[in-house]
């Protein structure tokens, strides 16, 4: 049975003013299946562990109230929220994944980017495999371990990457702009290795909403609910794939149905889930 799925990313609850999952209630009420494509909540810092668990339970409760299936894909800010890191639709032609597995530094602009890369390389070597033999599970394992290394370093040094800290490090701003420019091609390389059937890759992570159709596959970034705060969503309904803007009314986000979809493509079975992939390591 086909269902209507909505895909969002980078909600970052418990960061700044984003503290309650109730802000997503209208989205739960607009679909049969809500997919959060990484970084639902700041799940990594010990100081907010209990709050993060509370917010996660609140999110699940809202899903139950609306009769909506909830799928949580892990990102680099909530690396242990789920074992799952990718969902495919339409016989693997649509790939949904956060985007932190595209680059060996996860977030090249981060204060601890060199530590992240060192852990990534260590993880890949420990798997004792050549690149040609790399599996999607191996890639996701390395991504998770590298993310954990970053948050350990931040906890140990007390130095966190924030917008203010990046402004004090002009080179990090240059790295962000470079990543924004390069991320569609990074997504395409990732898809070519692991999902060669893909015609659409739906991602987040960089916080920059974007639709890149310069060549196949189309790369869609749904943006972030925090800075710069212009989130979009992907709607899979029957054989339709749409990119729809979101609007904020009060504290709640909903589909902006007064605006024309930013993208509308037809793919047979667009809303039919075809597979899930994640880490092989046990949490």
C-alpha atoms as a PDB file:
ATOM      1  CA  UNK A   1       0.000   0.000   0.000  1.00  0.00           C
ATOM      2  CA  UNK A   2       1.424   3.369  -1.045  1.00  0.00           C
ATOM      3  CA  UNK A   3       1.701   6.143   1.510  1.00  0.00           C
ATOM      4  CA  UNK A   4       2.640   9.786   1.574  1.00  0.00           C
ATOM      5  CA  UNK A   5       6.130  10.363   2.970  1.00  0.00           C
ATOM      6  CA  UNK A   6       7.666  13.668   4.043  1.00  0.00           C
ATOM      7  CA  UNK A   7      11.437  13.990   4.396  1.00  0.00           C
ATOM      8  CA  UNK A   8      13.080  16.709   6.512  1.00  0.00           C
ATOM      9  CA  UNK A   9      16.519  17.083   8.083  1.00  0.00           C
ATOM     10  CA  UNK A  10      18.578  19.080  10.573  1.00  0.00           C
ATOM     11  CA  UNK A  11      15.867  20.010  13.073  1.00  0.00           C
ATOM     12  CA  UNK A  12      18.484  20.291  15.863  1.00  0.00           C
ATOM     13  CA  UNK A  13      16.076  20.269  18.778  1.00  0.00           C
ATOM     14  CA  UNK A  14      17.666  21.519  22.036  1.00  0.00           C
ATOM     15  CA  UNK A  15      19.853  23.929  20.112  1.00  0.00           C
ATOM     16  CA  UNK A  16      18.908  27.546  20.608  1.00  0.00           C
ATOM     17  CA  UNK A  17      15.148  28.146  20.663  1.00  0.00           C
ATOM     18  CA  UNK A  18      14.347  24.746  19.128  1.00  0.00           C
ATOM     19  CA  UNK A  19      13.375  22.810  22.236  1.00  0.00           C
ATOM     20  CA  UNK A  20      10.066  21.067  21.593  1.00  0.00           C
ATOM     21  CA  UNK A  21       9.101  18.482  19.010  1.00  0.00           C
ATOM     22  CA  UNK A  22       5.620  20.060  18.991  1.00  0.00           C
ATOM     23  CA  UNK A  23       6.985  22.458  16.365  1.00  0.00           C
ATOM     24  CA  UNK A  24       6.753  19.508  13.935  1.00  0.00           C
ATOM     25  CA  UNK A  25       3.138  18.562  14.742  1.00  0.00           C
ATOM     26  CA  UNK A  26       1.645  19.976  11.491  1.00  0.00           C
ATOM     27  CA  UNK A  27       4.099  17.900   9.467  1.00  0.00           C
ATOM     28  CA  UNK A  28       3.136  14.707  11.287  1.00  0.00           C
ATOM     29  CA  UNK A  29      -0.469  15.510  10.463  1.00  0.00           C
ATOM     30  CA  UNK A  30       0.323  15.951   6.760  1.00  0.00           C
ATOM     31  CA  UNK A  31       1.710  12.511   5.972  1.00  0.00           C
ATOM     32  CA  UNK A  32       1.623   8.794   6.680  1.00  0.00           C
ATOM     33  CA  UNK A  33       5.382   8.552   7.111  1.00  0.00           C
ATOM     34  CA  UNK A  34       7.773  11.236   8.409  1.00  0.00           C
ATOM     35  CA  UNK A  35      11.478  10.687   7.804  1.00  0.00           C
ATOM     36  CA  UNK A  36      13.958  12.823   9.732  1.00  0.00           C
ATOM     37  CA  UNK A  37      17.118  12.607   7.670  1.00  0.00           C
ATOM     38  CA  UNK A  38      19.648  13.117  10.456  1.00  0.00           C
ATOM     39  CA  UNK A  39      20.236  15.583  13.296  1.00  0.00           C
ATOM     40  CA  UNK A  40      16.795  15.578  14.863  1.00  0.00           C
ATOM     41  CA  UNK A  41      18.203  16.499  18.261  1.00  0.00           C
ATOM     42  CA  UNK A  42      21.498  17.405  19.913  1.00  0.00           C
ATOM     43  CA  UNK A  43      21.914  13.863  21.164  1.00  0.00           C
ATOM     44  CA  UNK A  44      25.660  13.790  21.722  1.00  0.00           C
ATOM     45  CA  UNK A  45      26.456  16.103  24.630  1.00  0.00           C
ATOM     46  CA  UNK A  46      26.372  14.595  28.091  1.00  0.00           C
ATOM     47  CA  UNK A  47      24.861  17.727  29.613  1.00  0.00           C
ATOM     48  CA  UNK A  48      21.655  17.315  27.603  1.00  0.00           C
ATOM     49  CA  UNK A  49      21.408  13.536  27.487  1.00  0.00           C
ATOM     50  CA  UNK A  50      18.248  13.342  29.602  1.00  0.00           C
ATOM     51  CA  UNK A  51      16.666  16.268  27.771  1.00  0.00           C
ATOM     52  CA  UNK A  52      17.540  14.615  24.454  1.00  0.00           C
ATOM     53  CA  UNK A  53      15.848  11.399  25.539  1.00  0.00           C
ATOM     54  CA  UNK A  54      12.798  13.364  26.658  1.00  0.00           C
ATOM     55  CA  UNK A  55      12.555  15.172  23.315  1.00  0.00           C
ATOM     56  CA  UNK A  56      12.989  11.901  21.436  1.00  0.00           C
ATOM     57  CA  UNK A  57      10.123  10.334  23.395  1.00  0.00           C
ATOM     58  CA  UNK A  58       8.009  13.433  22.759  1.00  0.00           C
ATOM     59  CA  UNK A  59       8.658  13.088  19.012  1.00  0.00           C
ATOM     60  CA  UNK A  60       7.595   9.442  19.057  1.00  0.00           C
ATOM     61  CA  UNK A  61       4.490  10.334  21.078  1.00  0.00           C
ATOM     62  CA  UNK A  62       3.422  12.959  18.522  1.00  0.00           C
ATOM     63  CA  UNK A  63       3.893  10.402  15.750  1.00  0.00           C
ATOM     64  CA  UNK A  64       1.640   7.962  17.619  1.00  0.00           C
ATOM     65  CA  UNK A  65      -1.001  10.652  18.218  1.00  0.00           C
ATOM     66  CA  UNK A  66      -1.181  11.303  14.473  1.00  0.00           C
ATOM     67  CA  UNK A  67      -0.950   7.666  13.425  1.00  0.00           C
ATOM     68  CA  UNK A  68       2.217   8.552  11.515  1.00  0.00           C
ATOM     69  CA  UNK A  69       5.119   6.203  10.989  1.00  0.00           C
ATOM     70  CA  UNK A  70       8.379   7.819  12.108  1.00  0.00           C
ATOM     71  CA  UNK A  71      11.785   6.948  10.650  1.00  0.00           C
ATOM     72  CA  UNK A  72      14.894   8.438  12.221  1.00  0.00           C
ATOM     73  CA  UNK A  73      18.131   8.337  10.260  1.00  0.00           C
ATOM     74  CA  UNK A  74      21.260   9.077  12.269  1.00  0.00           C
ATOM     75  CA  UNK A  75      23.337  12.163  11.554  1.00  0.00           C
ATOM     76  CA  UNK A  76      26.589  13.444  13.001  1.00  0.00           C
ATOM     77  CA  UNK A  77      24.797  15.257  15.863  1.00  0.00           C
ATOM     78  CA  UNK A  78      22.687  12.231  16.803  1.00  0.00           C
ATOM     79  CA  UNK A  79      24.942   9.389  15.681  1.00  0.00           C
ATOM     80  CA  UNK A  80      23.439   6.877  18.117  1.00  0.00           C
ATOM     81  CA  UNK A  81      19.763   7.777  17.734  1.00  0.00           C
ATOM     82  CA  UNK A  82      19.331   4.940  15.237  1.00  0.00           C
ATOM     83  CA  UNK A  83      21.260   2.160  13.507  1.00  0.00           C
ATOM     84  CA  UNK A  84      19.786   3.322  10.199  1.00  0.00           C
ATOM     85  CA  UNK A  85      21.508   5.860   7.968  1.00  0.00           C
ATOM     86  CA  UNK A  86      19.855   5.503   4.568  1.00  0.00           C
ATOM     87  CA  UNK A  87      16.438   4.712   3.120  1.00  0.00           C
ATOM     88  CA  UNK A  88      15.761   4.099  -0.559  1.00  0.00           C
ATOM     89  CA  UNK A  89      12.566   4.374  -2.578  1.00  0.00           C
ATOM     90  CA  UNK A  90      11.471   3.553  -6.131  1.00  0.00           C
ATOM     91  CA  UNK A  91      13.741   0.522  -6.485  1.00  0.00           C
ATOM     92  CA  UNK A  92      16.762   2.440  -5.113  1.00  0.00           C
ATOM     93  CA  UNK A  93      16.360   5.320  -7.546  1.00  0.00           C
ATOM     94  CA  UNK A  94      15.653   7.689  -4.635  1.00  0.00           C
ATOM     95  CA  UNK A  95      18.291   7.675  -1.883  1.00  0.00           C
ATOM     96  CA  UNK A  96      17.754   9.445   1.440  1.00  0.00           C
ATOM     97  CA  UNK A  97      20.819   9.888   3.675  1.00  0.00           C
ATOM     98  CA  UNK A  98      22.079  12.681   5.920  1.00  0.00           C
ATOM     99  CA  UNK A  99      25.278  13.501   4.037  1.00  0.00           C
ATOM    100  CA  UNK A 100      27.889  13.172   6.766  1.00  0.00           C
ATOM    101  CA  UNK A 101      29.220  10.031   5.065  1.00  0.00           C
ATOM    102  CA  UNK A 102      30.183  11.949   1.921  1.00  0.00           C
ATOM    103  CA  UNK A 103      33.471  13.387   3.246  1.00  0.00           C
ATOM    104  CA  UNK A 104      36.266  11.879   5.349  1.00  0.00           C
ATOM    105  CA  UNK A 105      36.210  14.939   7.645  1.00  0.00           C
ATOM    106  CA  UNK A 106      32.413  14.714   8.101  1.00  0.00           C
ATOM    107  CA  UNK A 107      32.301  18.515   8.524  1.00  0.00           C
ATOM    108  CA  UNK A 108      35.496  20.047   7.053  1.00  0.00           C
ATOM    109  CA  UNK A 109      34.675  23.393   8.706  1.00  0.00           C
ATOM    110  CA  UNK A 110      34.651  21.891  12.229  1.00  0.00           C
ATOM    111  CA  UNK A 111      37.197  22.946  14.842  1.00  0.00           C
ATOM    112  CA  UNK A 112      38.307  19.314  15.223  1.00  0.00           C
ATOM    113  CA  UNK A 113      38.243  18.331  11.530  1.00  0.00           C
ATOM    114  CA  UNK A 114      41.728  16.770  11.666  1.00  0.00           C
ATOM    115  CA  UNK A 115      40.693  14.571  14.613  1.00  0.00           C
ATOM    116  CA  UNK A 116      37.602  13.508  12.701  1.00  0.00           C
ATOM    117  CA  UNK A 117      39.637  12.516   9.650  1.00  0.00           C
ATOM    118  CA  UNK A 118      42.195  10.633  11.735  1.00  0.00           C
ATOM    119  CA  UNK A 119      39.425   8.515  13.287  1.00  0.00           C
ATOM    120  CA  UNK A 120      37.855   7.950   9.860  1.00  0.00           C
ATOM    121  CA  UNK A 121      41.191   6.676   8.477  1.00  0.00           C
ATOM    122  CA  UNK A 122      41.735   4.520  11.560  1.00  0.00           C
ATOM    123  CA  UNK A 123      38.275   2.976  11.197  1.00  0.00           C
ATOM    124  CA  UNK A 124      38.790   2.248   7.508  1.00  0.00           C
ATOM    125  CA  UNK A 125      42.165   0.615   8.190  1.00  0.00           C
ATOM    126  CA  UNK A 126      40.739  -1.493  11.006  1.00  0.00           C
ATOM    127  CA  UNK A 127      38.213  -2.874   8.552  1.00  0.00           C
ATOM    128  CA  UNK A 128      41.224  -4.073   6.524  1.00  0.00           C
ATOM    129  CA  UNK A 129      39.554  -3.539   3.186  1.00  0.00           C
ATOM    130  CA  UNK A 130      40.578  -1.852  -0.019  1.00  0.00           C
ATOM    131  CA  UNK A 131      38.377   0.963  -1.320  1.00  0.00           C
ATOM    132  CA  UNK A 132      37.113  -1.247  -4.125  1.00  0.00           C
ATOM    133  CA  UNK A 133      35.664  -3.607  -1.512  1.00  0.00           C
ATOM    134  CA  UNK A 134      34.119  -0.951   0.695  1.00  0.00           C
ATOM    135  CA  UNK A 135      30.498  -1.595   1.645  1.00  0.00           C
ATOM    136  CA  UNK A 136      27.879   0.932   2.628  1.00  0.00           C
ATOM    137  CA  UNK A 137      27.904  -0.502   6.169  1.00  0.00           C
ATOM    138  CA  UNK A 138      31.685   0.002   6.393  1.00  0.00           C
ATOM    139  CA  UNK A 139      31.288   3.605   5.285  1.00  0.00           C
ATOM    140  CA  UNK A 140      28.587   4.262   7.845  1.00  0.00           C
ATOM    141  CA  UNK A 141      30.654   2.576  10.594  1.00  0.00           C
ATOM    142  CA  UNK A 142      33.583   4.900   9.862  1.00  0.00           C
ATOM    143  CA  UNK A 143      31.264   7.909   9.777  1.00  0.00           C
ATOM    144  CA  UNK A 144      29.771   7.109  13.172  1.00  0.00           C
ATOM    145  CA  UNK A 145      33.157   6.536  14.820  1.00  0.00           C
ATOM    146  CA  UNK A 146      34.541   9.743  13.339  1.00  0.00           C
ATOM    147  CA  UNK A 147      31.533  11.708  14.644  1.00  0.00           C
ATOM    148  CA  UNK A 148      32.010  10.264  18.124  1.00  0.00           C
ATOM    149  CA  UNK A 149      35.676  11.318  18.037  1.00  0.00           C
ATOM    150  CA  UNK A 150      34.650  14.908  17.332  1.00  0.00           C
ATOM    151  CA  UNK A 151      32.234  15.135  20.239  1.00  0.00           C
ATOM    152  CA  UNK A 152      34.775  13.531  22.592  1.00  0.00           C
ATOM    153  CA  UNK A 153      37.331  16.135  21.532  1.00  0.00           C
ATOM    154  CA  UNK A 154      34.858  18.958  22.087  1.00  0.00           C
ATOM    155  CA  UNK A 155      33.974  17.628  25.533  1.00  0.00           C
ATOM    156  CA  UNK A 156      37.645  17.287  26.486  1.00  0.00           C
ATOM    157  CA  UNK A 157      38.687  20.719  25.238  1.00  0.00           C
ATOM    158  CA  UNK A 158      35.497  22.590  26.044  1.00  0.00           C
ATOM    159  CA  UNK A 159      35.715  24.166  22.581  1.00  0.00           C
ATOM    160  CA  UNK A 160      32.557  23.795  20.491  1.00  0.00           C
ATOM    161  CA  UNK A 161      31.989  24.771  16.894  1.00  0.00           C
ATOM    162  CA  UNK A 162      29.392  27.526  16.777  1.00  0.00           C
ATOM    163  CA  UNK A 163      28.553  30.317  14.345  1.00  0.00           C
ATOM    164  CA  UNK A 164      30.390  32.755  16.612  1.00  0.00           C
ATOM    165  CA  UNK A 165      33.487  30.547  16.836  1.00  0.00           C
ATOM    166  CA  UNK A 166      33.522  30.122  13.053  1.00  0.00           C
ATOM    167  CA  UNK A 167      33.435  33.898  12.592  1.00  0.00           C
ATOM    168  CA  UNK A 168      36.605  34.031  14.685  1.00  0.00           C
ATOM    169  CA  UNK A 169      38.198  31.502  12.339  1.00  0.00           C
ATOM    170  CA  UNK A 170      37.824  32.938   8.820  1.00  0.00           C
ATOM    171  CA  UNK A 171      39.313  29.799   7.286  1.00  0.00           C
ATOM    172  CA  UNK A 172      36.366  27.768   8.565  1.00  0.00           C
ATOM    173  CA  UNK A 173      33.945  30.086   6.745  1.00  0.00           C
ATOM    174  CA  UNK A 174      35.915  29.530   3.560  1.00  0.00           C
ATOM    175  CA  UNK A 175      35.659  25.774   4.129  1.00  0.00           C
ATOM    176  CA  UNK A 176      31.884  26.023   4.538  1.00  0.00           C
ATOM    177  CA  UNK A 177      31.540  27.913   1.262  1.00  0.00           C
ATOM    178  CA  UNK A 178      33.785  25.377  -0.421  1.00  0.00           C
ATOM    179  CA  UNK A 179      31.751  22.479   0.967  1.00  0.00           C
ATOM    180  CA  UNK A 180      28.513  24.085  -0.212  1.00  0.00           C
ATOM    181  CA  UNK A 181      29.983  24.291  -3.711  1.00  0.00           C
ATOM    182  CA  UNK A 182      31.359  20.751  -3.689  1.00  0.00           C
ATOM    183  CA  UNK A 183      28.625  18.875  -1.806  1.00  0.00           C
ATOM    184  CA  UNK A 184      26.463  17.975  -4.840  1.00  0.00           C
ATOM    185  CA  UNK A 185      29.438  16.279  -6.474  1.00  0.00           C
ATOM    186  CA  UNK A 186      30.330  14.546  -3.202  1.00  0.00           C
ATOM    187  CA  UNK A 187      26.769  13.216  -3.089  1.00  0.00           C
ATOM    188  CA  UNK A 188      27.083  11.984  -6.669  1.00  0.00           C
ATOM    189  CA  UNK A 189      30.342  10.155  -5.926  1.00  0.00           C
ATOM    190  CA  UNK A 190      28.719   8.530  -2.915  1.00  0.00           C
ATOM    191  CA  UNK A 191      25.739   7.449  -5.014  1.00  0.00           C
ATOM    192  CA  UNK A 192      27.947   6.161  -7.828  1.00  0.00           C
ATOM    193  CA  UNK A 193      29.768   3.902  -5.365  1.00  0.00           C
ATOM    194  CA  UNK A 194      26.843   2.607  -3.337  1.00  0.00           C
ATOM    195  CA  UNK A 195      23.627   3.407  -5.224  1.00  0.00           C
ATOM    196  CA  UNK A 196      24.418   3.488  -8.956  1.00  0.00           C
ATOM    197  CA  UNK A 197      20.706   3.253  -9.797  1.00  0.00           C
ATOM    198  CA  UNK A 198      19.991   6.588  -8.093  1.00  0.00           C
ATOM    199  CA  UNK A 199      18.287   9.375 -10.020  1.00  0.00           C
ATOM    200  CA  UNK A 200      17.689  11.506  -6.895  1.00  0.00           C
ATOM    201  CA  UNK A 201      19.800  11.883  -3.733  1.00  0.00           C
ATOM    202  CA  UNK A 202      18.070  13.616  -0.803  1.00  0.00           C
ATOM    203  CA  UNK A 203      20.431  14.963   1.801  1.00  0.00           C
ATOM    204  CA  UNK A 204      20.923  17.561   4.539  1.00  0.00           C
ATOM    205  CA  UNK A 205      23.949  18.134   6.810  1.00  0.00           C
ATOM    206  CA  UNK A 206      25.340  21.341   5.268  1.00  0.00           C
ATOM    207  CA  UNK A 207      22.221  23.380   6.252  1.00  0.00           C
ATOM    208  CA  UNK A 208      22.125  24.924   2.777  1.00  0.00           C
ATOM    209  CA  UNK A 209      18.862  24.179   1.010  1.00  0.00           C
ATOM    210  CA  UNK A 210      19.567  23.497  -2.637  1.00  0.00           C
ATOM    211  CA  UNK A 211      18.431  21.633  -5.746  1.00  0.00           C
ATOM    212  CA  UNK A 212      21.285  20.713  -8.091  1.00  0.00           C
ATOM    213  CA  UNK A 213      20.311  19.359 -11.505  1.00  0.00           C
ATOM    214  CA  UNK A 214      23.503  20.092 -13.402  1.00  0.00           C
ATOM    215  CA  UNK A 215      23.846  16.376 -14.050  1.00  0.00           C
ATOM    216  CA  UNK A 216      22.423  13.091 -12.815  1.00  0.00           C
ATOM    217  CA  UNK A 217      21.525  12.216 -10.179  1.00  0.00           C
ATOM    218  CA  UNK A 218      19.579  15.249  -8.993  1.00  0.00           C
ATOM    219  CA  UNK A 219      20.849  16.265  -5.531  1.00  0.00           C
ATOM    220  CA  UNK A 220      18.334  17.809  -3.138  1.00  0.00           C
ATOM    221  CA  UNK A 221      19.363  19.363   0.181  1.00  0.00           C
ATOM    222  CA  UNK A 222      16.365  20.089   2.399  1.00  0.00           C
ATOM    223  CA  UNK A 223      18.162  22.688   4.525  1.00  0.00           C
ATOM    224  CA  UNK A 224      17.983  23.256   8.263  1.00  0.00           C
ATOM    225  CA  UNK A 225      15.484  24.412  10.883  1.00  0.00           C
ATOM    226  CA  UNK A 226      18.255  26.458  12.521  1.00  0.00           C
ATOM    227  CA  UNK A 227      20.674  28.881  10.854  1.00  0.00           C
ATOM    228  CA  UNK A 228      20.130  29.866   8.072  1.00  0.00           C
ATOM    229  CA  UNK A 229      16.600  28.664   8.863  1.00  0.00           C
ATOM    230  CA  UNK A 230      14.974  28.142   5.468  1.00  0.00           C
ATOM    231  CA  UNK A 231      13.977  24.476   5.591  1.00  0.00           C
ATOM    232  CA  UNK A 232      12.269  22.592   2.809  1.00  0.00           C
ATOM    233  CA  UNK A 233      10.886  19.096   2.637  1.00  0.00           C
ATOM    234  CA  UNK A 234      10.600  16.371   0.046  1.00  0.00           C
ATOM    235  CA  UNK A 235       7.140  14.859  -0.416  1.00  0.00           C
ATOM    236  CA  UNK A 236       6.834  11.392  -1.952  1.00  0.00           C
ATOM    237  CA  UNK A 237       3.242  10.711  -2.918  1.00  0.00           C
ATOM    238  CA  UNK A 238       2.344   7.937  -5.349  1.00  0.00           C
ATOM    239  CA  UNK A 239       4.554   8.461  -8.389  1.00  0.00           C
ATOM    240  CA  UNK A 240       5.371  12.084  -7.528  1.00  0.00           C
ATOM    241  CA  UNK A 241       8.437  13.604  -5.919  1.00  0.00           C
ATOM    242  CA  UNK A 242       8.056  17.226  -4.879  1.00  0.00           C
ATOM    243  CA  UNK A 243      10.277  19.687  -3.064  1.00  0.00           C
ATOM    244  CA  UNK A 244       8.022  21.922  -0.965  1.00  0.00           C
ATOM    245  CA  UNK A 245       8.891  24.996   1.069  1.00  0.00           C
ATOM    246  CA  UNK A 246       8.004  25.060   4.758  1.00  0.00           C
ATOM    247  CA  UNK A 247       6.512  28.007   6.604  1.00  0.00           C
ATOM    248  CA  UNK A 248       6.547  28.864  10.282  1.00  0.00           C
ATOM    249  CA  UNK A 249       3.391  30.021  12.027  1.00  0.00           C
ATOM    250  CA  UNK A 250       4.023  30.801  15.660  1.00  0.00           C
ATOM    251  CA  UNK A 251       6.305  28.002  16.823  1.00  0.00           C
ATOM    252  CA  UNK A 252       5.074  25.381  14.344  1.00  0.00           C
ATOM    253  CA  UNK A 253       6.271  24.417  10.875  1.00  0.00           C
ATOM    254  CA  UNK A 254       3.936  23.312   8.097  1.00  0.00           C
ATOM    255  CA  UNK A 255       3.877  22.801   4.333  1.00  0.00           C
ATOM    256  CA  UNK A 256       3.688  26.080   2.417  1.00  0.00           C
ATOM    257  CA  UNK A 257       0.971  24.967   0.017  1.00  0.00           C
ATOM    258  CA  UNK A 258       0.395  28.481  -1.328  1.00  0.00           C
ATOM    259  CA  UNK A 259       3.739  28.334  -3.078  1.00  0.00           C
ATOM    260  CA  UNK A 260       4.336  26.283  -6.183  1.00  0.00           C
ATOM    261  CA  UNK A 261       6.552  23.219  -5.536  1.00  0.00           C
ATOM    262  CA  UNK A 262      10.198  24.060  -6.060  1.00  0.00           C
ATOM    263  CA  UNK A 263      10.628  20.788  -7.933  1.00  0.00           C
ATOM    264  CA  UNK A 264       8.165  18.235  -9.217  1.00  0.00           C
ATOM    265  CA  UNK A 265       9.326  14.989 -10.830  1.00  0.00           C
ATOM    266  CA  UNK A 266       7.472  11.843 -11.757  1.00  0.00           C
ATOM    267  CA  UNK A 267       9.038   8.488 -10.847  1.00  0.00           C
ATOM    268  CA  UNK A 268       7.160   5.240 -10.935  1.00  0.00           C
ATOM    269  CA  UNK A 269       6.764   3.994  -7.369  1.00  0.00           C
ATOM    270  CA  UNK A 270       8.335   7.114  -5.847  1.00  0.00           C
ATOM    271  CA  UNK A 271       6.630   6.486  -2.499  1.00  0.00           C
ATOM    272  CA  UNK A 272       7.420   2.771  -2.370  1.00  0.00           C
ATOM    273  CA  UNK A 273      10.227   2.025   0.063  1.00  0.00           C
ATOM    274  CA  UNK A 274      12.837  -0.365  -1.343  1.00  0.00           C
ATOM    275  CA  UNK A 275      15.477  -0.749   1.365  1.00  0.00           C
ATOM    276  CA  UNK A 276      17.340   0.492   4.425  1.00  0.00           C
ATOM    277  CA  UNK A 277      21.011   0.555   5.284  1.00  0.00           C
ATOM    278  CA  UNK A 278      22.972   1.419   8.411  1.00  0.00           C
ATOM    279  CA  UNK A 279      25.920   0.568  10.561  1.00  0.00           C
ATOM    280  CA  UNK A 280      27.136  -2.971  11.103  1.00  0.00           C
ATOM    281  CA  UNK A 281      28.592  -2.230  14.533  1.00  0.00           C
ATOM    282  CA  UNK A 282      26.333  -2.724  17.540  1.00  0.00           C
ATOM    283  CA  UNK A 283      25.434   0.431  19.468  1.00  0.00           C
END
